[in-house]
Amino acid sequence: MVTTNNLLEEAINMRNKAYVPYSEFPVGAALLTKSGKIYTGCNIENASYPVSCCAERVVIFKAISEGEIDFVEMAVAADTTRPVPPCGSCRQVMSEFFSRTMHIHLTNLNKDTKTVSIEDLLPFSFQPNDLP
């Protein structure tokens, strides 16, 4: 049985695989699927900053590319003063694939943790049913 602590540890450990030569700000993420599998990801930078990809999107896209679409909970970790908040782009991607109440555990290296949902992070988000 995967626990929240397992996910938090996976996210913290994934920071070591981040490719961050420009910002030197490694972020790790871990995503638990309904099938019980944990996917992990880290941020990957590029000299052209806009084409970089955050850890949250890497792990979501990785799971989806493997055929997983039912998610249970996620953890994100970085070396921040407070539990690391996801950027706006990641919040929008999360809102597309996560239930409105799914737990997203945000942490730092001191293991200060804040658990939120998409509804907390991005209320009134743009959704697929908003398209004609």
N, C-alpha and C. Protein backbone atom coordinates (compact mmCIF):
# COMPACT_ATOMS: atom_id res chain seq x y z
N MET A 1 0.84 -1.18 0.00
CA MET A 1 0.00 0.00 0.00
C MET A 1 0.88 1.25 0.00
N VAL A 2 0.69 2.11 -0.96
CA VAL A 2 1.45 3.35 -1.07
C VAL A 2 0.87 4.39 -0.11
N THR A 3 1.74 5.01 0.65
CA THR A 3 1.30 6.05 1.58
C THR A 3 1.69 7.43 1.05
N THR A 4 1.12 8.44 1.64
CA THR A 4 1.48 9.81 1.28
C THR A 4 2.97 10.04 1.52
N ASN A 5 3.50 9.48 2.61
CA ASN A 5 4.93 9.62 2.89
C ASN A 5 5.78 8.99 1.79
N ASN A 6 5.34 7.86 1.23
CA ASN A 6 6.06 7.25 0.10
C ASN A 6 6.13 8.22 -1.08
N LEU A 7 5.00 8.83 -1.39
CA LEU A 7 4.95 9.78 -2.50
C LEU A 7 5.84 10.99 -2.24
N LEU A 8 5.80 11.51 -1.03
CA LEU A 8 6.64 12.65 -0.69
C LEU A 8 8.12 12.31 -0.83
N GLU A 9 8.53 11.14 -0.37
CA GLU A 9 9.93 10.71 -0.49
C GLU A 9 10.33 10.55 -1.95
N GLU A 10 9.46 9.96 -2.75
CA GLU A 10 9.74 9.80 -4.19
C GLU A 10 9.94 11.17 -4.84
N ALA A 11 9.08 12.12 -4.51
CA ALA A 11 9.19 13.46 -5.08
C ALA A 11 10.50 14.13 -4.66
N ILE A 12 10.84 14.02 -3.38
CA ILE A 12 12.09 14.60 -2.89
C ILE A 12 13.29 13.96 -3.60
N ASN A 13 13.27 12.64 -3.75
CA ASN A 13 14.38 11.95 -4.42
C ASN A 13 14.50 12.30 -5.89
N MET A 14 13.38 12.56 -6.56
CA MET A 14 13.41 12.87 -7.99
C MET A 14 14.12 14.19 -8.28
N ARG A 15 14.20 15.05 -7.30
CA ARG A 15 14.92 16.31 -7.49
C ARG A 15 16.35 16.08 -7.97
N ASN A 16 16.93 14.97 -7.56
CA ASN A 16 18.31 14.67 -7.94
C ASN A 16 18.49 14.40 -9.42
N LYS A 17 17.41 14.12 -10.12
CA LYS A 17 17.48 13.83 -11.55
C LYS A 17 17.11 15.03 -12.42
N ALA A 18 16.76 16.14 -11.79
CA ALA A 18 16.37 17.33 -12.53
C ALA A 18 17.53 17.86 -13.37
N TYR A 19 17.19 18.40 -14.53
CA TYR A 19 18.17 19.05 -15.40
C TYR A 19 17.91 20.55 -15.30
N VAL A 20 18.69 21.24 -14.44
CA VAL A 20 18.42 22.64 -14.13
C VAL A 20 19.69 23.50 -14.16
N PRO A 21 20.42 23.50 -15.28
CA PRO A 21 21.67 24.26 -15.31
C PRO A 21 21.48 25.78 -15.28
N TYR A 22 20.29 26.27 -15.53
CA TYR A 22 20.05 27.71 -15.60
C TYR A 22 19.50 28.26 -14.29
N SER A 23 18.45 27.67 -13.80
CA SER A 23 17.84 28.16 -12.56
C SER A 23 18.46 27.55 -11.32
N GLU A 24 19.04 26.36 -11.47
CA GLU A 24 19.56 25.60 -10.33
C GLU A 24 18.47 25.42 -9.28
N PHE A 25 17.25 25.18 -9.76
CA PHE A 25 16.07 24.99 -8.89
C PHE A 25 15.42 23.65 -9.22
N PRO A 26 15.97 22.55 -8.66
CA PRO A 26 15.40 21.24 -8.96
C PRO A 26 14.07 20.99 -8.26
N VAL A 27 13.15 20.41 -9.00
CA VAL A 27 11.83 20.07 -8.47
C VAL A 27 11.56 18.61 -8.84
N GLY A 28 10.97 17.88 -7.91
CA GLY A 28 10.59 16.49 -8.16
C GLY A 28 9.11 16.31 -7.94
N ALA A 29 8.54 15.32 -8.62
CA ALA A 29 7.11 15.03 -8.47
C ALA A 29 6.89 13.52 -8.52
N ALA A 30 5.86 13.08 -7.83
CA ALA A 30 5.45 11.67 -7.84
C ALA A 30 3.94 11.63 -7.93
N LEU A 31 3.45 10.73 -8.76
CA LEU A 31 2.02 10.65 -9.04
C LEU A 31 1.56 9.21 -8.88
N LEU A 32 0.55 9.01 -8.05
CA LEU A 32 -0.01 7.68 -7.81
C LEU A 32 -1.25 7.51 -8.68
N THR A 33 -1.29 6.38 -9.41
CA THR A 33 -2.44 6.10 -10.26
C THR A 33 -3.39 5.13 -9.55
N LYS A 34 -4.59 5.06 -10.07
CA LYS A 34 -5.59 4.16 -9.49
C LYS A 34 -5.13 2.71 -9.58
N SER A 35 -4.29 2.38 -10.57
CA SER A 35 -3.78 1.02 -10.71
C SER A 35 -2.72 0.69 -9.66
N GLY A 36 -2.30 1.70 -8.87
CA GLY A 36 -1.31 1.47 -7.81
C GLY A 36 0.11 1.79 -8.20
N LYS A 37 0.33 2.21 -9.43
CA LYS A 37 1.69 2.52 -9.90
C LYS A 37 2.04 3.96 -9.55
N ILE A 38 3.32 4.16 -9.19
CA ILE A 38 3.84 5.51 -8.94
C ILE A 38 4.68 5.91 -10.14
N TYR A 39 4.35 7.05 -10.71
CA TYR A 39 5.17 7.66 -11.76
C TYR A 39 5.94 8.80 -11.13
N THR A 40 7.16 9.04 -11.60
CA THR A 40 7.98 10.12 -11.07
C THR A 40 8.45 11.01 -12.21
N GLY A 41 8.76 12.25 -11.86
CA GLY A 41 9.27 13.18 -12.85
C GLY A 41 10.02 14.32 -12.19
N CYS A 42 10.78 15.04 -12.98
CA CYS A 42 11.55 16.18 -12.51
C CYS A 42 11.49 17.28 -13.56
N ASN A 43 11.86 18.48 -13.16
CA ASN A 43 11.87 19.55 -14.15
C ASN A 43 13.06 19.41 -15.08
N ILE A 44 12.85 19.84 -16.31
CA ILE A 44 13.87 19.75 -17.35
C ILE A 44 13.92 21.10 -18.06
N GLU A 45 15.05 21.78 -17.92
CA GLU A 45 15.18 23.11 -18.49
C GLU A 45 15.81 23.08 -19.88
N ASN A 46 15.69 24.23 -20.54
CA ASN A 46 16.25 24.42 -21.86
C ASN A 46 16.76 25.86 -21.91
N ALA A 47 17.79 26.12 -22.69
CA ALA A 47 18.32 27.47 -22.81
C ALA A 47 17.22 28.44 -23.27
N SER A 48 16.29 27.95 -24.04
CA SER A 48 15.11 28.73 -24.40
C SER A 48 14.05 28.44 -23.35
N TYR A 49 14.01 29.24 -22.28
CA TYR A 49 13.18 28.96 -21.11
C TYR A 49 11.75 28.52 -21.39
N PRO A 50 11.04 29.13 -22.35
CA PRO A 50 9.64 28.72 -22.53
C PRO A 50 9.44 27.25 -22.92
N VAL A 51 10.47 26.60 -23.43
CA VAL A 51 10.30 25.19 -23.80
C VAL A 51 10.73 24.24 -22.69
N SER A 52 11.08 24.78 -21.55
CA SER A 52 11.37 23.95 -20.38
C SER A 52 10.07 23.30 -19.91
N CYS A 53 10.19 22.27 -19.09
CA CYS A 53 8.99 21.59 -18.59
C CYS A 53 9.14 21.33 -17.10
N CYS A 54 8.10 21.71 -16.36
CA CYS A 54 8.08 21.52 -14.91
C CYS A 54 7.90 20.06 -14.54
N ALA A 55 8.32 19.70 -13.34
CA ALA A 55 8.22 18.33 -12.85
C ALA A 55 6.78 17.83 -12.87
N GLU A 56 5.84 18.69 -12.48
CA GLU A 56 4.44 18.29 -12.42
C GLU A 56 3.92 17.86 -13.79
N ARG A 57 4.23 18.65 -14.82
CA ARG A 57 3.77 18.29 -16.16
C ARG A 57 4.51 17.08 -16.70
N VAL A 58 5.80 16.98 -16.40
CA VAL A 58 6.57 15.80 -16.85
C VAL A 58 5.92 14.52 -16.33
N VAL A 59 5.61 14.48 -15.03
CA VAL A 59 5.08 13.24 -14.45
C VAL A 59 3.66 12.96 -14.96
N ILE A 60 2.85 13.99 -15.13
CA ILE A 60 1.50 13.77 -15.66
C ILE A 60 1.57 13.25 -17.09
N PHE A 61 2.38 13.89 -17.93
CA PHE A 61 2.49 13.47 -19.32
C PHE A 61 3.10 12.07 -19.43
N LYS A 62 4.04 11.77 -18.56
CA LYS A 62 4.67 10.44 -18.54
C LYS A 62 3.62 9.37 -18.25
N ALA A 63 2.80 9.59 -17.24
CA ALA A 63 1.76 8.61 -16.89
C ALA A 63 0.74 8.47 -18.01
N ILE A 64 0.31 9.58 -18.57
CA ILE A 64 -0.68 9.52 -19.65
C ILE A 64 -0.10 8.81 -20.87
N SER A 65 1.17 9.05 -21.17
CA SER A 65 1.79 8.39 -22.32
C SER A 65 1.91 6.88 -22.13
N GLU A 66 1.82 6.42 -20.89
CA GLU A 66 1.84 5.00 -20.58
C GLU A 66 0.43 4.43 -20.44
N GLY A 67 -0.59 5.25 -20.75
CA GLY A 67 -1.97 4.76 -20.74
C GLY A 67 -2.73 4.96 -19.45
N GLU A 68 -2.12 5.64 -18.48
CA GLU A 68 -2.79 5.89 -17.21
C GLU A 68 -3.57 7.20 -17.28
N ILE A 69 -4.81 7.19 -16.85
CA ILE A 69 -5.60 8.43 -16.82
C ILE A 69 -6.38 8.61 -15.52
N ASP A 70 -6.32 7.63 -14.64
CA ASP A 70 -7.02 7.72 -13.36
C ASP A 70 -5.99 7.91 -12.26
N PHE A 71 -6.01 9.09 -11.65
CA PHE A 71 -5.01 9.45 -10.68
C PHE A 71 -5.59 9.57 -9.28
N VAL A 72 -4.79 9.19 -8.27
CA VAL A 72 -5.24 9.16 -6.88
C VAL A 72 -4.70 10.34 -6.09
N GLU A 73 -3.39 10.57 -6.14
CA GLU A 73 -2.78 11.70 -5.45
C GLU A 73 -1.40 11.99 -6.02
N MET A 74 -0.90 13.18 -5.71
CA MET A 74 0.38 13.62 -6.25
C MET A 74 1.18 14.32 -5.16
N ALA A 75 2.52 14.25 -5.26
CA ALA A 75 3.41 14.98 -4.37
C ALA A 75 4.40 15.77 -5.20
N VAL A 76 4.73 16.98 -4.75
CA VAL A 76 5.69 17.85 -5.43
C VAL A 76 6.66 18.38 -4.37
N ALA A 77 7.96 18.38 -4.68
CA ALA A 77 8.96 18.80 -3.71
C ALA A 77 10.02 19.70 -4.33
N ALA A 78 10.43 20.71 -3.56
CA ALA A 78 11.52 21.60 -3.95
C ALA A 78 12.15 22.18 -2.69
N ASP A 79 13.31 22.80 -2.87
CA ASP A 79 14.00 23.42 -1.74
C ASP A 79 13.51 24.87 -1.61
N THR A 80 12.37 25.01 -0.99
CA THR A 80 11.73 26.30 -0.81
C THR A 80 11.48 26.55 0.68
N THR A 81 11.19 27.77 1.04
CA THR A 81 10.90 28.10 2.43
C THR A 81 9.57 27.51 2.86
N ARG A 82 8.58 27.62 1.98
CA ARG A 82 7.25 27.06 2.23
C ARG A 82 7.05 25.86 1.33
N PRO A 83 6.02 25.06 1.53
CA PRO A 83 5.73 23.98 0.58
C PRO A 83 5.61 24.57 -0.83
N VAL A 84 6.27 23.95 -1.78
CA VAL A 84 6.40 24.53 -3.13
C VAL A 84 5.05 24.62 -3.86
N PRO A 85 4.67 25.80 -4.33
CA PRO A 85 3.42 25.92 -5.08
C PRO A 85 3.66 25.66 -6.58
N PRO A 86 2.75 24.97 -7.25
CA PRO A 86 2.89 24.76 -8.69
C PRO A 86 2.65 26.05 -9.47
N CYS A 87 3.28 26.18 -10.61
CA CYS A 87 3.07 27.34 -11.47
C CYS A 87 1.69 27.28 -12.13
N GLY A 88 1.30 28.34 -12.77
CA GLY A 88 -0.01 28.42 -13.40
C GLY A 88 -0.20 27.39 -14.51
N SER A 89 0.82 27.16 -15.32
CA SER A 89 0.71 26.18 -16.40
C SER A 89 0.45 24.79 -15.84
N CYS A 90 1.17 24.44 -14.78
CA CYS A 90 0.98 23.12 -14.17
C CYS A 90 -0.41 23.00 -13.56
N ARG A 91 -0.90 24.06 -12.96
CA ARG A 91 -2.24 24.05 -12.38
C ARG A 91 -3.29 23.79 -13.46
N GLN A 92 -3.12 24.40 -14.63
CA GLN A 92 -4.08 24.19 -15.71
C GLN A 92 -4.03 22.74 -16.20
N VAL A 93 -2.83 22.18 -16.34
CA VAL A 93 -2.71 20.78 -16.77
C VAL A 93 -3.33 19.87 -15.72
N MET A 94 -3.05 20.13 -14.45
CA MET A 94 -3.65 19.33 -13.38
C MET A 94 -5.18 19.39 -13.45
N SER A 95 -5.72 20.56 -13.73
CA SER A 95 -7.17 20.69 -13.76
C SER A 95 -7.81 19.90 -14.89
N GLU A 96 -7.05 19.63 -15.92
CA GLU A 96 -7.54 18.82 -17.04
C GLU A 96 -7.64 17.34 -16.67
N PHE A 97 -6.70 16.87 -15.85
CA PHE A 97 -6.58 15.44 -15.63
C PHE A 97 -6.93 14.96 -14.21
N PHE A 98 -6.98 15.85 -13.24
CA PHE A 98 -7.26 15.45 -11.87
C PHE A 98 -8.69 15.78 -11.49
N SER A 99 -9.25 14.97 -10.61
CA SER A 99 -10.58 15.31 -10.08
C SER A 99 -10.44 16.59 -9.26
N ARG A 100 -11.50 17.30 -9.10
CA ARG A 100 -11.48 18.58 -8.39
C ARG A 100 -11.04 18.44 -6.93
N THR A 101 -11.17 17.24 -6.36
CA THR A 101 -10.86 17.05 -4.94
C THR A 101 -9.62 16.18 -4.70
N MET A 102 -8.94 15.77 -5.75
CA MET A 102 -7.75 14.93 -5.57
C MET A 102 -6.69 15.66 -4.73
N HIS A 103 -6.03 14.92 -3.85
CA HIS A 103 -5.01 15.51 -2.99
C HIS A 103 -3.70 15.71 -3.75
N ILE A 104 -3.17 16.91 -3.60
CA ILE A 104 -1.86 17.27 -4.14
C ILE A 104 -1.05 17.74 -2.94
N HIS A 105 0.00 16.99 -2.62
CA HIS A 105 0.83 17.26 -1.44
C HIS A 105 2.05 18.07 -1.87
N LEU A 106 2.16 19.27 -1.36
CA LEU A 106 3.27 20.16 -1.68
C LEU A 106 4.21 20.17 -0.49
N THR A 107 5.52 20.04 -0.76
CA THR A 107 6.47 19.96 0.36
C THR A 107 7.77 20.68 0.02
N ASN A 108 8.61 20.81 1.04
CA ASN A 108 9.96 21.34 0.87
C ASN A 108 10.93 20.35 1.52
N LEU A 109 12.20 20.70 1.55
CA LEU A 109 13.18 19.75 2.11
C LEU A 109 13.11 19.64 3.62
N ASN A 110 12.42 20.57 4.26
CA ASN A 110 12.18 20.46 5.71
C ASN A 110 10.97 19.58 6.00
N LYS A 111 10.34 19.11 4.93
CA LYS A 111 9.13 18.28 4.99
C LYS A 111 7.94 19.03 5.57
N ASP A 112 7.96 20.37 5.43
CA ASP A 112 6.75 21.14 5.68
C ASP A 112 5.82 20.80 4.53
N THR A 113 4.63 20.38 4.83
CA THR A 113 3.73 19.89 3.78
C THR A 113 2.37 20.57 3.86
N LYS A 114 1.86 20.89 2.69
CA LYS A 114 0.52 21.45 2.57
C LYS A 114 -0.22 20.60 1.55
N THR A 115 -1.39 20.12 1.92
CA THR A 115 -2.20 19.32 1.02
C THR A 115 -3.34 20.18 0.50
N VAL A 116 -3.45 20.20 -0.83
CA VAL A 116 -4.47 21.02 -1.50
C VAL A 116 -5.15 20.18 -2.58
N SER A 117 -6.16 20.77 -3.18
CA SER A 117 -6.83 20.16 -4.33
C SER A 117 -6.74 21.14 -5.50
N ILE A 118 -7.15 20.70 -6.67
CA ILE A 118 -7.20 21.59 -7.82
C ILE A 118 -8.18 22.73 -7.54
N GLU A 119 -9.27 22.42 -6.89
CA GLU A 119 -10.24 23.47 -6.55
C GLU A 119 -9.58 24.55 -5.71
N ASP A 120 -8.65 24.16 -4.81
CA ASP A 120 -7.91 25.13 -4.01
C ASP A 120 -6.92 25.93 -4.87
N LEU A 121 -6.20 25.20 -5.75
CA LEU A 121 -5.14 25.81 -6.55
C LEU A 121 -5.65 26.66 -7.71
N LEU A 122 -6.76 26.24 -8.32
CA LEU A 122 -7.23 26.91 -9.53
C LEU A 122 -8.75 26.89 -9.60
N PRO A 123 -9.38 27.68 -8.74
CA PRO A 123 -10.85 27.72 -8.80
C PRO A 123 -11.30 28.33 -10.12
N PHE A 124 -12.46 27.90 -10.59
CA PHE A 124 -13.04 28.42 -11.82
C PHE A 124 -12.08 28.28 -13.00
N SER A 125 -11.45 27.12 -13.11
CA SER A 125 -10.50 26.87 -14.19
C SER A 125 -11.20 26.62 -15.52
N PHE A 126 -10.48 26.84 -16.60
CA PHE A 126 -10.97 26.53 -17.94
C PHE A 126 -10.98 25.02 -18.09
N GLN A 127 -12.11 24.46 -18.51
CA GLN A 127 -12.30 23.01 -18.58
C GLN A 127 -12.67 22.57 -20.01
N PRO A 128 -12.48 21.29 -20.33
CA PRO A 128 -12.84 20.81 -21.67
C PRO A 128 -14.29 21.11 -22.05
N ASN A 129 -15.20 21.07 -21.10
CA ASN A 129 -16.60 21.33 -21.43
C ASN A 129 -16.86 22.82 -21.69
N ASP A 130 -15.85 23.68 -21.52
CA ASP A 130 -15.98 25.09 -21.89
C ASP A 130 -15.80 25.29 -23.39
N LEU A 131 -15.26 24.29 -24.07
CA LEU A 131 -15.08 24.37 -25.53
C LEU A 131 -16.42 24.07 -26.22
N PRO A 132 -16.64 24.69 -27.38
CA PRO A 132 -17.90 24.42 -28.09
C PRO A 132 -18.00 22.99 -28.60
